[in-house]
N, C-alpha and C. Protein backbone atom coordinates (compact mmCIF):
# COMPACT_ATOMS: atom_id res chain seq x y z
N MET A 1 5.30 21.30 -12.86
CA MET A 1 5.58 21.13 -11.45
C MET A 1 4.74 22.07 -10.60
N ARG A 2 4.51 23.28 -11.12
CA ARG A 2 3.71 24.23 -10.35
C ARG A 2 2.29 23.72 -10.16
N THR A 3 1.75 23.04 -11.15
CA THR A 3 0.39 22.50 -11.04
C THR A 3 0.32 21.46 -9.93
N LEU A 4 1.31 20.59 -9.85
CA LEU A 4 1.36 19.59 -8.79
C LEU A 4 1.49 20.27 -7.43
N ALA A 5 2.34 21.26 -7.33
CA ALA A 5 2.52 21.98 -6.07
C ALA A 5 1.21 22.65 -5.64
N ARG A 6 0.51 23.27 -6.58
CA ARG A 6 -0.77 23.91 -6.26
C ARG A 6 -1.80 22.87 -5.84
N ALA A 7 -1.88 21.77 -6.56
CA ALA A 7 -2.86 20.73 -6.24
C ALA A 7 -2.59 20.12 -4.88
N SER A 8 -1.33 19.84 -4.59
CA SER A 8 -1.01 19.22 -3.31
C SER A 8 -1.20 20.20 -2.16
N SER A 9 -0.85 21.46 -2.36
CA SER A 9 -1.03 22.43 -1.27
C SER A 9 -2.51 22.69 -1.00
N SER A 10 -3.36 22.48 -1.99
CA SER A 10 -4.80 22.68 -1.78
C SER A 10 -5.38 21.61 -0.85
N VAL A 11 -4.68 20.49 -0.68
CA VAL A 11 -5.13 19.46 0.25
C VAL A 11 -4.22 19.39 1.48
N GLY A 12 -3.39 20.41 1.65
CA GLY A 12 -2.60 20.55 2.86
C GLY A 12 -1.35 19.70 2.96
N MET A 13 -0.72 19.40 1.85
CA MET A 13 0.54 18.64 1.89
C MET A 13 1.45 19.10 0.78
N ASP A 14 2.72 18.75 0.88
CA ASP A 14 3.64 19.10 -0.20
C ASP A 14 3.57 18.04 -1.30
N ALA A 15 4.23 18.33 -2.41
CA ALA A 15 4.15 17.46 -3.58
C ALA A 15 4.68 16.05 -3.28
N LYS A 16 5.77 15.94 -2.52
CA LYS A 16 6.33 14.62 -2.20
C LYS A 16 5.34 13.79 -1.39
N GLU A 17 4.73 14.39 -0.38
CA GLU A 17 3.73 13.67 0.41
C GLU A 17 2.57 13.21 -0.47
N PHE A 18 2.13 14.08 -1.36
CA PHE A 18 1.03 13.78 -2.27
C PHE A 18 1.37 12.56 -3.14
N ILE A 19 2.56 12.56 -3.72
CA ILE A 19 2.99 11.44 -4.56
C ILE A 19 3.17 10.17 -3.73
N ASP A 20 3.80 10.29 -2.56
CA ASP A 20 4.00 9.13 -1.69
C ASP A 20 2.66 8.49 -1.33
N GLN A 21 1.66 9.29 -1.01
CA GLN A 21 0.36 8.73 -0.66
C GLN A 21 -0.27 8.02 -1.85
N ARG A 22 -0.08 8.54 -3.03
CA ARG A 22 -0.62 7.91 -4.24
C ARG A 22 0.08 6.58 -4.51
N VAL A 23 1.40 6.53 -4.31
CA VAL A 23 2.17 5.30 -4.50
C VAL A 23 1.72 4.25 -3.48
N VAL A 24 1.55 4.66 -2.23
CA VAL A 24 1.11 3.74 -1.18
C VAL A 24 -0.28 3.19 -1.50
N LEU A 25 -1.18 4.05 -1.94
CA LEU A 25 -2.54 3.61 -2.28
C LEU A 25 -2.50 2.55 -3.39
N GLU A 26 -1.71 2.78 -4.41
CA GLU A 26 -1.60 1.82 -5.51
C GLU A 26 -0.95 0.52 -5.03
N ALA A 27 0.08 0.62 -4.20
CA ALA A 27 0.74 -0.58 -3.67
C ALA A 27 -0.23 -1.40 -2.83
N LYS A 28 -1.01 -0.73 -1.99
CA LYS A 28 -2.01 -1.44 -1.18
C LYS A 28 -3.00 -2.18 -2.07
N ARG A 29 -3.46 -1.49 -3.11
CA ARG A 29 -4.42 -2.10 -4.04
C ARG A 29 -3.82 -3.34 -4.69
N LEU A 30 -2.59 -3.24 -5.14
CA LEU A 30 -1.94 -4.38 -5.79
C LEU A 30 -1.73 -5.53 -4.82
N LEU A 31 -1.35 -5.22 -3.59
CA LEU A 31 -1.09 -6.26 -2.60
C LEU A 31 -2.36 -7.00 -2.20
N VAL A 32 -3.45 -6.28 -2.04
CA VAL A 32 -4.68 -6.89 -1.54
C VAL A 32 -5.50 -7.52 -2.65
N HIS A 33 -5.57 -6.87 -3.79
CA HIS A 33 -6.48 -7.32 -4.84
C HIS A 33 -5.80 -8.03 -6.00
N GLY A 34 -4.50 -8.15 -5.96
CA GLY A 34 -3.78 -8.82 -7.03
C GLY A 34 -3.08 -10.06 -6.52
N ASP A 35 -2.49 -10.78 -7.44
CA ASP A 35 -1.73 -11.97 -7.04
C ASP A 35 -0.24 -11.79 -7.30
N LEU A 36 0.19 -10.53 -7.34
CA LEU A 36 1.61 -10.23 -7.53
C LEU A 36 2.39 -10.50 -6.25
N THR A 37 3.63 -10.89 -6.41
CA THR A 37 4.52 -10.98 -5.26
C THR A 37 4.84 -9.57 -4.80
N VAL A 38 5.43 -9.46 -3.62
CA VAL A 38 5.84 -8.14 -3.13
C VAL A 38 6.86 -7.53 -4.09
N ALA A 39 7.77 -8.33 -4.61
CA ALA A 39 8.78 -7.83 -5.55
C ALA A 39 8.12 -7.32 -6.83
N GLN A 40 7.13 -8.03 -7.34
CA GLN A 40 6.43 -7.59 -8.54
C GLN A 40 5.64 -6.31 -8.27
N CYS A 41 5.04 -6.24 -7.11
CA CYS A 41 4.32 -5.03 -6.71
C CYS A 41 5.29 -3.85 -6.65
N ALA A 42 6.46 -4.07 -6.08
CA ALA A 42 7.47 -3.02 -5.99
C ALA A 42 7.81 -2.49 -7.38
N ARG A 43 8.01 -3.39 -8.33
CA ARG A 43 8.33 -2.96 -9.69
C ARG A 43 7.16 -2.20 -10.33
N GLN A 44 5.93 -2.62 -10.04
CA GLN A 44 4.75 -1.95 -10.59
C GLN A 44 4.65 -0.50 -10.14
N VAL A 45 5.11 -0.20 -8.94
CA VAL A 45 5.05 1.17 -8.43
C VAL A 45 6.40 1.87 -8.54
N ASP A 46 7.25 1.37 -9.45
CA ASP A 46 8.51 2.00 -9.85
C ASP A 46 9.64 1.95 -8.83
N PHE A 47 9.70 0.88 -8.05
CA PHE A 47 10.85 0.64 -7.18
C PHE A 47 11.70 -0.44 -7.84
N ASP A 48 12.98 -0.14 -8.06
CA ASP A 48 13.89 -1.12 -8.63
C ASP A 48 14.34 -2.14 -7.59
N ASP A 49 14.32 -1.74 -6.33
CA ASP A 49 14.82 -2.58 -5.25
C ASP A 49 13.69 -2.91 -4.28
N THR A 50 13.41 -4.19 -4.09
CA THR A 50 12.34 -4.63 -3.21
C THR A 50 12.58 -4.20 -1.77
N ALA A 51 13.82 -4.21 -1.33
CA ALA A 51 14.13 -3.79 0.04
C ALA A 51 13.78 -2.33 0.26
N ASN A 52 14.09 -1.48 -0.71
CA ASN A 52 13.73 -0.06 -0.59
C ASN A 52 12.22 0.12 -0.58
N PHE A 53 11.52 -0.64 -1.40
CA PHE A 53 10.05 -0.59 -1.39
C PHE A 53 9.52 -1.01 -0.02
N GLY A 54 10.07 -2.07 0.53
CA GLY A 54 9.63 -2.54 1.84
C GLY A 54 9.83 -1.50 2.92
N LYS A 55 10.98 -0.83 2.90
CA LYS A 55 11.26 0.23 3.88
C LYS A 55 10.30 1.40 3.70
N PHE A 56 10.10 1.81 2.45
CA PHE A 56 9.18 2.90 2.14
C PHE A 56 7.76 2.56 2.60
N PHE A 57 7.29 1.36 2.25
CA PHE A 57 5.94 0.94 2.59
C PHE A 57 5.76 0.88 4.10
N GLU A 58 6.71 0.30 4.80
CA GLU A 58 6.61 0.19 6.25
C GLU A 58 6.63 1.57 6.92
N ARG A 59 7.44 2.47 6.40
CA ARG A 59 7.50 3.82 6.95
C ARG A 59 6.15 4.54 6.75
N GLN A 60 5.51 4.30 5.62
CA GLN A 60 4.25 4.98 5.32
C GLN A 60 3.05 4.33 6.00
N VAL A 61 3.03 3.00 6.07
CA VAL A 61 1.85 2.26 6.53
C VAL A 61 1.99 1.75 7.96
N GLY A 62 3.22 1.50 8.38
CA GLY A 62 3.44 0.97 9.72
C GLY A 62 3.57 -0.54 9.75
N LEU A 63 3.45 -1.18 8.60
CA LEU A 63 3.60 -2.64 8.47
C LEU A 63 4.40 -2.95 7.22
N PRO A 64 5.18 -4.02 7.23
CA PRO A 64 5.83 -4.45 5.99
C PRO A 64 4.75 -4.90 4.98
N PRO A 65 5.05 -4.85 3.70
CA PRO A 65 4.05 -5.18 2.69
C PRO A 65 3.43 -6.57 2.85
N GLY A 66 4.23 -7.58 3.15
CA GLY A 66 3.70 -8.93 3.30
C GLY A 66 2.76 -9.06 4.48
N VAL A 67 3.10 -8.41 5.58
CA VAL A 67 2.25 -8.43 6.77
C VAL A 67 0.95 -7.67 6.48
N PHE A 68 1.07 -6.53 5.80
CA PHE A 68 -0.12 -5.76 5.42
C PHE A 68 -1.05 -6.62 4.58
N ARG A 69 -0.50 -7.29 3.56
CA ARG A 69 -1.33 -8.12 2.69
C ARG A 69 -2.04 -9.19 3.51
N HIS A 70 -1.30 -9.88 4.35
CA HIS A 70 -1.86 -10.97 5.15
C HIS A 70 -2.97 -10.45 6.07
N SER A 71 -2.75 -9.32 6.72
CA SER A 71 -3.75 -8.78 7.64
C SER A 71 -4.99 -8.30 6.90
N GLU A 72 -4.84 -7.74 5.72
CA GLU A 72 -5.99 -7.26 4.95
C GLU A 72 -6.77 -8.42 4.34
N VAL A 73 -6.09 -9.46 3.90
CA VAL A 73 -6.77 -10.61 3.30
C VAL A 73 -7.54 -11.38 4.36
N LEU A 74 -6.94 -11.54 5.54
CA LEU A 74 -7.63 -12.26 6.61
C LEU A 74 -8.72 -11.43 7.26
N GLY A 75 -8.57 -10.13 7.24
CA GLY A 75 -9.56 -9.27 7.87
C GLY A 75 -9.40 -9.25 9.37
N ALA A 76 -10.28 -8.54 10.01
CA ALA A 76 -10.19 -8.32 11.45
C ALA A 76 -10.39 -9.60 12.25
N SER A 77 -11.15 -10.55 11.73
CA SER A 77 -11.46 -11.75 12.50
C SER A 77 -10.34 -12.78 12.47
N GLY A 78 -9.35 -12.58 11.57
CA GLY A 78 -8.29 -13.57 11.46
C GLY A 78 -8.68 -14.76 10.60
N VAL A 79 -9.82 -14.67 9.94
CA VAL A 79 -10.31 -15.75 9.09
C VAL A 79 -10.45 -15.21 7.68
N ALA A 80 -10.03 -15.99 6.70
CA ALA A 80 -10.13 -15.57 5.32
C ALA A 80 -11.58 -15.26 4.99
N GLY A 81 -11.78 -14.21 4.22
CA GLY A 81 -13.14 -13.80 3.86
C GLY A 81 -13.38 -12.39 4.35
N ALA A 82 -14.64 -12.02 4.43
CA ALA A 82 -15.00 -10.68 4.85
C ALA A 82 -14.63 -10.47 6.32
N PRO A 83 -14.22 -9.26 6.65
CA PRO A 83 -13.88 -8.97 8.05
C PRO A 83 -15.05 -9.28 8.97
N GLY A 84 -14.73 -9.94 10.07
CA GLY A 84 -15.73 -10.24 11.06
C GLY A 84 -16.57 -11.47 10.78
N GLN A 85 -16.32 -12.13 9.63
CA GLN A 85 -17.08 -13.31 9.30
C GLN A 85 -16.22 -14.54 9.45
N ASP A 86 -16.78 -15.59 10.00
CA ASP A 86 -16.06 -16.84 10.19
C ASP A 86 -16.46 -17.79 9.07
N SER A 87 -15.50 -18.20 8.24
CA SER A 87 -15.82 -19.05 7.10
C SER A 87 -16.00 -20.50 7.49
N ARG A 88 -15.79 -20.83 8.77
CA ARG A 88 -15.95 -22.22 9.20
C ARG A 88 -17.40 -22.60 9.42
N ALA A 89 -18.30 -21.61 9.46
CA ALA A 89 -19.71 -21.87 9.73
C ALA A 89 -20.38 -22.57 8.57
C-alpha cells in the first residue's frame, strides 16, 4: 500500500483518485473500442452492479456510459467515423 501511496502522491493525487482514474480509463477503452454492453463493461472493471458503475462513471466523466460511448463513436461531427469527417461523401 505504501508503494501505491508514494506513486500516486508523486503525480499529485491520493491512491483512491489514482485507482479511480485507471478504472475510468479502462472503462472508456472498453466502451469505445469493444462491443461489450455497459453491463459487461461494468463487470470487466469489477463493478457487480451496473447502476453503481453508471453513477461512478458519470461522476468521473460527466456523462453516463452509454452517452459517452455514443458521443465518442460518432465523434465531433455527429457522423460515424473519424471526428470531423462526413461519411456521406
